[in-house]
């Protein structure tokens, strides 16, 4: 999965991918809060790691084709500084096998 994100309001975004077994693979992607431009994001590994988790479906932490869903989350806990709300733009979202 590849996409571009533009935001100076968030320090991270959360991505949830649902695989063929119904297992949800969640990844927290850090953003450069000092960047006012587009940031390129590439996700190559859908397995859980230290900042990543998975649940449901096969419950084994392994990816099972096909991809069933994608969610991009902006969470209040990831807002920079003392912001109460924020904005993020997404562009060029591409899914590749």
Protein backbone atom coordinates (compact mmCIF):
# COMPACT_ATOMS: atom_id res chain seq x y z
CA UNK A 1 0.00 0.00 0.00
CA UNK A 2 1.28 3.45 -0.90
CA UNK A 3 -0.18 6.89 -0.37
CA UNK A 4 0.66 10.50 0.39
CA UNK A 5 -0.44 12.38 3.47
CA UNK A 6 -0.19 16.05 4.29
CA UNK A 7 -0.72 17.28 7.85
CA UNK A 8 1.12 19.32 10.43
CA UNK A 9 -1.60 18.58 13.00
CA UNK A 10 -0.91 14.87 13.62
CA UNK A 11 2.21 13.07 14.80
CA UNK A 12 0.87 9.72 13.54
CA UNK A 13 -1.93 8.08 11.59
CA UNK A 14 -3.39 4.65 12.16
CA UNK A 15 -4.04 2.21 9.32
CA UNK A 16 -6.24 -0.86 9.58
CA UNK A 17 -6.21 -3.54 6.89
CA UNK A 18 -8.68 -6.42 7.03
CA UNK A 19 -7.49 -9.65 5.42
CA UNK A 20 -9.39 -12.55 3.87
CA UNK A 21 -9.87 -14.30 7.22
CA UNK A 22 -11.38 -11.18 8.77
CA UNK A 23 -8.22 -10.50 10.80
CA UNK A 24 -7.53 -6.80 11.30
CA UNK A 25 -3.89 -5.68 11.02
CA UNK A 26 -3.35 -2.26 12.59
CA UNK A 27 -0.24 -0.14 12.07
CA UNK A 28 0.64 3.22 13.58
CA UNK A 29 2.65 5.30 11.11
CA UNK A 30 4.70 8.21 12.49
CA UNK A 31 4.58 11.49 10.58
CA UNK A 32 7.10 14.31 10.43
CA UNK A 33 5.26 17.04 12.35
CA UNK A 34 7.67 19.67 11.02
CA UNK A 35 6.73 18.94 7.43
CA UNK A 36 4.20 21.18 5.73
CA UNK A 37 4.41 19.21 2.49
CA UNK A 38 3.29 15.81 1.25
CA UNK A 39 4.85 12.79 2.97
CA UNK A 40 5.17 9.50 1.08
CA UNK A 41 4.03 6.44 3.03
CA UNK A 42 4.73 2.86 1.92
CA UNK A 43 3.55 -0.21 3.80
CA UNK A 44 5.21 -3.46 2.77
CA UNK A 45 4.65 -5.66 5.81
CA UNK A 46 1.19 -6.28 7.26
CA UNK A 47 2.39 -8.34 10.23
CA UNK A 48 2.11 -7.05 13.75
CA UNK A 49 5.23 -5.44 15.24
CA UNK A 50 5.94 -3.38 18.36
CA UNK A 51 3.65 -0.49 17.31
CA UNK A 52 1.36 -2.75 15.31
CA UNK A 53 -1.33 -5.14 16.44
CA UNK A 54 -3.82 -7.60 14.98
CA UNK A 55 -7.05 -9.20 16.13
CA UNK A 56 -10.06 -11.15 14.89
CA UNK A 57 -10.22 -13.61 12.00
CA UNK A 58 -7.41 -16.19 12.02
CA UNK A 59 -5.79 -14.49 15.07
CA UNK A 60 -2.35 -15.63 13.94
CA UNK A 61 -0.64 -12.35 12.96
CA UNK A 62 -0.16 -13.56 9.37
CA UNK A 63 -1.64 -11.99 6.26
CA UNK A 64 -4.36 -13.99 4.46
CA UNK A 65 -5.38 -12.88 0.95
CA UNK A 66 -7.49 -11.23 -0.27
CA UNK A 67 -7.62 -7.73 1.16
CA UNK A 68 -11.18 -7.05 2.36
CA UNK A 69 -10.92 -3.53 3.77
CA UNK A 70 -8.78 -0.47 4.44
CA UNK A 71 -9.33 2.17 7.12
CA UNK A 72 -7.29 5.33 7.66
CA UNK A 73 -7.77 6.70 11.18
CA UNK A 74 -6.97 10.10 12.63
CA UNK A 75 -7.02 9.71 16.40
CA UNK A 76 -7.20 12.53 18.92
CA UNK A 77 -4.34 10.88 20.86
CA UNK A 78 -2.09 11.53 17.83
CA UNK A 79 -2.75 15.27 17.64
CA UNK A 80 0.33 17.46 18.00
CA UNK A 81 0.84 19.70 21.01
CA UNK A 82 -2.41 20.86 22.62
CA UNK A 83 -4.60 20.74 19.52
CA UNK A 84 -8.23 19.71 20.02
CA UNK A 85 -8.86 19.02 16.34
CA UNK A 86 -6.79 18.54 13.21
CA UNK A 87 -6.80 18.12 9.48
CA UNK A 88 -5.04 15.69 7.15
CA UNK A 89 -5.16 15.32 3.38
CA UNK A 90 -4.65 11.97 1.63
CA UNK A 91 -3.70 11.48 -2.02
CA UNK A 92 -2.57 8.84 -4.51
CA UNK A 93 -3.74 5.82 -2.50
CA UNK A 94 -2.53 2.68 -4.26
CA UNK A 95 -2.93 -0.97 -3.31
CA UNK A 96 -0.53 -3.44 -4.89
CA UNK A 97 -0.20 -7.15 -4.48
